[in-house]
Amino acid sequence: MINSEIFSPFKGEFDEGEISFFHKLDPRVKMGFVVGITLLCAFIQSNILLGLLVLLVIMMMILSNTLTKVGKFLLIFILFCALAIFLTFIITGNLLYAMKHFIPFFLRFFVMISTGLLFAFTTPPQKLAQSLEKMKVPTSVTFTLSIAIRYIPTLAREASAIFKALKLRGVKISTWDFIKKPGYIYRGMIIPLIIRSIKLSDEIAIAAESRGFCISNDRSSLNEVEFGMKDYRFILLIIFISSCFLILDASISFKF
């Protein structure tokens, strides 16, 4: 098993007030949830049911205290969707055509992105690594995936810290400034974020090397990852909800 201290540069994954039911689920259950929701989005044809699925995912983010964290990512996606519909309307001159062809596509992607972010923001990398090891995934792949997952909330915090640092230095940048002067994003956000990411990568490499990562797979962990009753209850709940959505979608398709 992978040592839980391998990611020591990133201690303090969550605050006590942020721990929710979804945080405590086994990462394997949450991975199955993401895959299941993705497949469910592909099969559902009704826009109404896709909208209900979006509301269900948003409710789960509220219950897991992650909505405020992923809100900026989702806002960028929503703005991109609105821009795509607007450009299609300008080209075709038909708003109904643009909405009819783009809304189902964007609803599906919204659900997929939301569930992925929900998984990333509620799964500590050490638990993810332990779960992947139990699934017999090679250690090199486990390490790579764990770091990739860990970088999502880390980059979000770093971007927020850079933005606050600009404010403290008297540089007040509004959303309109980003649109009017894209150079602000390049000079003020992207370059410092890239430099900080390289530094974090170096810290991770040093931490992994100092602990002999990949030299031996016979590692132990203080807290083992095991299935519990909460995991089985969540699986049954998701299966029930998915079945209801599929039955409703089939009945709607049969009527029309």
Protein backbone atom coordinates (compact mmCIF):
# COMPACT_ATOMS: atom_id res chain seq x y z
CA MET A 1 0.00 0.00 0.00
CA ILE A 2 1.06 3.57 -0.60
CA ASN A 3 2.21 5.54 2.40
CA SER A 4 -0.37 8.17 3.30
CA GLU A 5 2.42 10.71 3.94
CA ILE A 6 3.66 10.62 0.35
CA PHE A 7 1.77 13.85 -0.34
CA SER A 8 3.10 15.64 2.73
CA PRO A 9 3.48 19.04 0.94
CA PHE A 10 -0.32 19.08 0.81
CA LYS A 11 -1.35 18.27 4.38
CA GLY A 12 -4.70 19.50 5.66
CA GLU A 13 -6.84 18.37 2.76
CA PHE A 14 -10.14 19.55 4.21
CA ASP A 15 -11.32 21.64 7.14
CA GLU A 16 -13.46 19.95 9.78
CA GLY A 17 -16.53 21.91 8.72
CA GLU A 18 -16.09 20.79 5.12
CA ILE A 19 -16.27 17.04 5.81
CA SER A 20 -19.56 15.67 4.50
CA PHE A 21 -21.12 12.31 3.73
CA PHE A 22 -19.69 12.41 0.22
CA HIS A 23 -16.16 13.02 1.54
CA LYS A 24 -16.38 9.84 3.62
CA LEU A 25 -17.39 7.58 0.73
CA ASP A 26 -14.91 5.07 -0.63
CA PRO A 27 -13.11 6.56 -3.69
CA ARG A 28 -14.01 3.43 -5.67
CA VAL A 29 -17.69 4.16 -5.06
CA LYS A 30 -17.23 7.75 -6.20
CA MET A 31 -15.37 6.61 -9.32
CA GLY A 32 -18.27 4.28 -10.10
CA PHE A 33 -20.66 7.18 -9.50
CA VAL A 34 -18.82 9.38 -12.03
CA VAL A 35 -18.79 6.58 -14.64
CA GLY A 36 -22.46 5.73 -13.98
CA ILE A 37 -23.61 9.35 -14.29
CA THR A 38 -21.64 9.72 -17.52
CA LEU A 39 -23.32 6.64 -19.02
CA LEU A 40 -26.71 7.82 -17.75
CA CYS A 41 -26.24 11.17 -19.53
CA ALA A 42 -25.46 9.33 -22.76
CA PHE A 43 -28.67 7.25 -22.62
CA ILE A 44 -31.13 9.94 -21.49
CA GLN A 45 -32.77 11.80 -24.38
CA SER A 46 -35.26 14.03 -22.57
CA ASN A 47 -34.07 17.59 -21.90
CA ILE A 48 -36.35 17.76 -18.85
CA LEU A 49 -34.69 14.72 -17.27
CA LEU A 50 -31.25 16.09 -18.14
CA GLY A 51 -32.23 19.30 -16.36
CA LEU A 52 -33.37 17.30 -13.31
CA LEU A 53 -30.05 15.45 -13.38
CA VAL A 54 -28.25 18.80 -13.36
CA LEU A 55 -30.29 19.86 -10.32
CA LEU A 56 -29.49 16.54 -8.61
CA VAL A 57 -25.75 17.04 -9.11
CA ILE A 58 -25.97 20.65 -7.89
CA MET A 59 -27.83 19.46 -4.78
CA MET A 60 -25.06 16.92 -4.14
CA MET A 61 -22.46 19.69 -4.42
CA ILE A 62 -24.42 21.78 -1.92
CA LEU A 63 -24.63 18.86 0.52
CA SER A 64 -20.91 18.17 0.13
CA ASN A 65 -19.98 21.86 0.65
CA THR A 66 -18.16 22.04 -2.70
CA LEU A 67 -20.47 24.30 -4.73
CA THR A 68 -18.62 27.50 -3.82
CA LYS A 69 -15.28 25.88 -4.73
CA VAL A 70 -16.35 24.55 -8.13
CA GLY A 71 -18.56 27.56 -8.89
CA LYS A 72 -15.83 29.44 -10.76
CA PHE A 73 -15.08 26.44 -12.98
CA LEU A 74 -18.78 25.96 -13.73
CA LEU A 75 -19.27 29.69 -14.36
CA ILE A 76 -16.59 29.60 -17.07
CA PHE A 77 -18.34 26.62 -18.66
CA ILE A 78 -21.74 28.37 -18.53
CA LEU A 79 -20.28 31.51 -20.14
CA PHE A 80 -18.77 29.35 -22.88
CA CYS A 81 -22.17 27.71 -23.47
CA ALA A 82 -23.92 31.08 -23.67
CA LEU A 83 -21.28 32.34 -26.11
CA ALA A 84 -21.67 29.27 -28.34
CA ILE A 85 -25.45 29.66 -28.47
CA PHE A 86 -25.12 33.40 -29.17
CA LEU A 87 -22.65 32.85 -32.03
CA THR A 88 -24.88 30.15 -33.53
CA PHE A 89 -27.83 32.54 -33.31
CA ILE A 90 -25.80 35.26 -35.07
CA ILE A 91 -24.81 32.86 -37.86
CA THR A 92 -28.17 31.15 -38.40
CA GLY A 93 -30.54 33.88 -37.24
CA ASN A 94 -32.64 31.25 -35.48
CA LEU A 95 -32.46 31.20 -31.67
CA LEU A 96 -34.70 28.12 -31.32
CA TYR A 97 -32.41 26.16 -33.66
CA ALA A 98 -29.34 27.14 -31.64
CA MET A 99 -30.95 26.22 -28.31
CA LYS A 100 -32.41 22.97 -29.62
CA HIS A 101 -29.06 21.68 -30.84
CA PHE A 102 -26.77 23.00 -28.10
CA ILE A 103 -28.72 22.75 -24.82
CA PRO A 104 -28.82 18.90 -24.64
CA PHE A 105 -25.11 18.78 -25.45
CA PHE A 106 -24.22 21.35 -22.79
CA LEU A 107 -26.49 19.78 -20.16
CA ARG A 108 -24.69 16.45 -20.60
CA PHE A 109 -21.27 18.05 -20.38
CA PHE A 110 -22.32 20.12 -17.37
CA VAL A 111 -23.25 16.96 -15.48
CA MET A 112 -20.02 15.18 -16.49
CA ILE A 113 -17.83 18.14 -15.52
CA SER A 114 -19.71 18.68 -12.26
CA THR A 115 -19.39 15.06 -11.14
CA GLY A 116 -15.71 15.05 -12.06
CA LEU A 117 -15.09 18.20 -10.02
CA LEU A 118 -17.17 16.78 -7.16
CA PHE A 119 -14.94 13.71 -7.14
CA ALA A 120 -11.75 15.80 -7.31
CA PHE A 121 -12.75 18.16 -4.49
CA THR A 122 -13.94 15.44 -2.08
CA THR A 123 -11.26 12.76 -2.54
CA PRO A 124 -7.92 13.06 -0.71
CA PRO A 125 -5.07 11.81 -2.93
CA GLN A 126 -3.82 9.30 -0.36
CA LYS A 127 -7.22 7.59 -0.25
CA LEU A 128 -7.39 7.59 -4.03
CA ALA A 129 -3.94 6.02 -4.18
CA GLN A 130 -4.91 3.32 -1.68
CA SER A 131 -8.08 2.54 -3.62
CA LEU A 132 -6.19 2.24 -6.91
CA GLU A 133 -3.67 -0.06 -5.26
CA LYS A 134 -6.52 -2.29 -4.07
CA MET A 135 -7.77 -2.37 -7.66
CA LYS A 136 -4.30 -3.71 -8.71
CA VAL A 137 -3.46 -0.58 -10.71
CA PRO A 138 0.32 -0.22 -11.31
CA THR A 139 2.06 2.06 -8.82
CA SER A 140 3.33 4.46 -11.50
CA VAL A 141 -0.20 4.95 -12.84
CA THR A 142 -1.54 5.39 -9.31
CA PHE A 143 0.97 8.12 -8.53
CA THR A 144 0.28 9.96 -11.79
CA LEU A 145 -3.51 9.90 -11.37
CA SER A 146 -3.30 10.94 -7.72
CA ILE A 147 -1.14 13.94 -8.54
CA ALA A 148 -3.42 14.91 -11.44
CA ILE A 149 -6.48 14.82 -9.17
CA ARG A 150 -4.65 16.74 -6.46
CA TYR A 151 -3.65 19.53 -8.84
CA ILE A 152 -7.24 20.62 -9.53
CA PRO A 153 -8.02 22.05 -6.04
CA THR A 154 -4.38 23.13 -5.61
CA LEU A 155 -4.42 25.25 -8.77
CA ALA A 156 -7.77 26.71 -7.71
CA ARG A 157 -6.29 27.81 -4.38
CA GLU A 158 -3.14 29.14 -6.01
CA ALA A 159 -5.17 31.16 -8.53
CA SER A 160 -7.24 32.60 -5.69
CA ALA A 161 -4.07 33.49 -3.74
CA ILE A 162 -2.56 35.24 -6.79
CA PHE A 163 -5.77 37.20 -7.35
CA LYS A 164 -5.82 38.31 -3.69
CA ALA A 165 -2.15 39.28 -3.90
CA LEU A 166 -2.93 41.52 -6.88
CA LYS A 167 -5.71 43.19 -4.88
CA LEU A 168 -3.36 43.80 -1.93
CA ARG A 169 -0.95 45.54 -4.31
CA GLY A 170 -3.68 47.85 -5.51
CA VAL A 171 -4.36 46.07 -8.80
CA LYS A 172 -8.14 45.76 -8.97
CA ILE A 173 -9.12 43.66 -11.96
CA SER A 174 -12.80 43.17 -12.73
CA THR A 175 -14.34 40.60 -15.04
CA TRP A 176 -14.78 43.28 -17.69
CA ASP A 177 -11.06 44.09 -17.51
CA PHE A 178 -10.24 40.46 -18.29
CA ILE A 179 -12.45 40.65 -21.38
CA LYS A 180 -11.28 44.10 -22.48
CA LYS A 181 -7.58 43.54 -21.73
CA PRO A 182 -6.68 39.82 -22.03
CA GLY A 183 -3.04 40.71 -21.28
CA TYR A 184 -4.05 40.95 -17.61
CA ILE A 185 -4.80 37.22 -17.60
CA TYR A 186 -1.46 36.40 -19.23
CA ARG A 187 0.79 38.65 -17.13
CA GLY A 188 -1.14 38.68 -13.88
CA MET A 189 -2.50 35.14 -13.60
CA ILE A 190 -1.15 32.59 -16.09
CA ILE A 191 2.61 33.25 -15.74
CA PRO A 192 2.59 33.31 -11.88
CA LEU A 193 0.37 30.22 -11.86
CA ILE A 194 2.77 28.32 -14.17
CA ILE A 195 5.76 29.30 -11.98
CA ARG A 196 3.93 28.21 -8.82
CA SER A 197 2.91 24.92 -10.46
CA ILE A 198 6.53 24.15 -11.36
CA LYS A 199 7.56 24.83 -7.76
CA LEU A 200 4.81 22.52 -6.45
CA SER A 201 5.92 19.82 -8.89
CA ASP A 202 9.45 20.08 -7.54
CA GLU A 203 8.18 19.75 -3.96
CA ILE A 204 6.21 16.63 -4.87
CA ALA A 205 9.22 15.08 -6.61
CA ILE A 206 11.43 15.71 -3.56
CA ALA A 207 8.77 14.31 -1.20
CA ALA A 208 8.35 11.16 -3.31
CA GLU A 209 12.10 10.61 -3.70
CA SER A 210 12.82 11.11 0.01
CA ARG A 211 10.29 8.41 0.87
CA GLY A 212 11.57 5.89 -1.67
CA PHE A 213 8.41 5.92 -3.77
CA CYS A 214 8.16 3.00 -6.24
CA ILE A 215 11.15 1.19 -4.69
CA SER A 216 8.83 -1.24 -2.92
CA ASN A 217 5.12 -1.97 -3.11
CA ASP A 218 5.06 -3.46 0.41
CA ARG A 219 3.83 -0.30 2.05
CA SER A 220 1.36 0.01 4.88
CA SER A 221 -1.11 2.73 5.79
CA LEU A 222 -2.45 3.94 9.11
CA ASN A 223 -6.02 4.24 7.81
CA GLU A 224 -7.08 1.46 5.46
CA VAL A 225 -9.72 2.09 2.79
CA GLU A 226 -12.60 -0.36 3.18
CA PHE A 227 -16.22 -0.56 2.03
CA GLY A 228 -18.76 0.32 4.71
CA MET A 229 -22.54 0.40 5.05
CA LYS A 230 -22.62 4.02 3.89
CA ASP A 231 -20.99 2.94 0.62
CA TYR A 232 -23.51 0.16 -0.01
CA ARG A 233 -26.41 2.48 0.83
CA PHE A 234 -25.09 5.10 -1.59
CA ILE A 235 -24.69 2.49 -4.35
CA LEU A 236 -28.28 1.31 -3.87
CA LEU A 237 -29.54 4.90 -3.88
CA ILE A 238 -27.73 5.74 -7.13
CA ILE A 239 -28.97 2.52 -8.78
CA PHE A 240 -32.54 3.37 -7.74
CA ILE A 241 -32.31 6.97 -9.01
CA SER A 242 -30.69 5.86 -12.29
CA SER A 243 -33.41 3.25 -12.83
CA CYS A 244 -36.11 5.86 -12.26
CA PHE A 245 -34.50 8.21 -14.76
CA LEU A 246 -34.20 5.47 -17.40
CA ILE A 247 -37.82 4.34 -16.90
CA LEU A 248 -39.12 7.92 -17.12
CA ASP A 249 -37.01 8.58 -20.22
CA ALA A 250 -38.32 5.42 -21.88
CA SER A 251 -41.93 6.35 -21.09
CA ILE A 252 -41.45 9.89 -22.44
CA SER A 253 -39.85 8.59 -25.63
CA PHE A 254 -42.67 6.05 -26.07
CA LYS A 255 -45.33 8.77 -25.83
CA PHE A 256 -43.68 10.94 -28.46
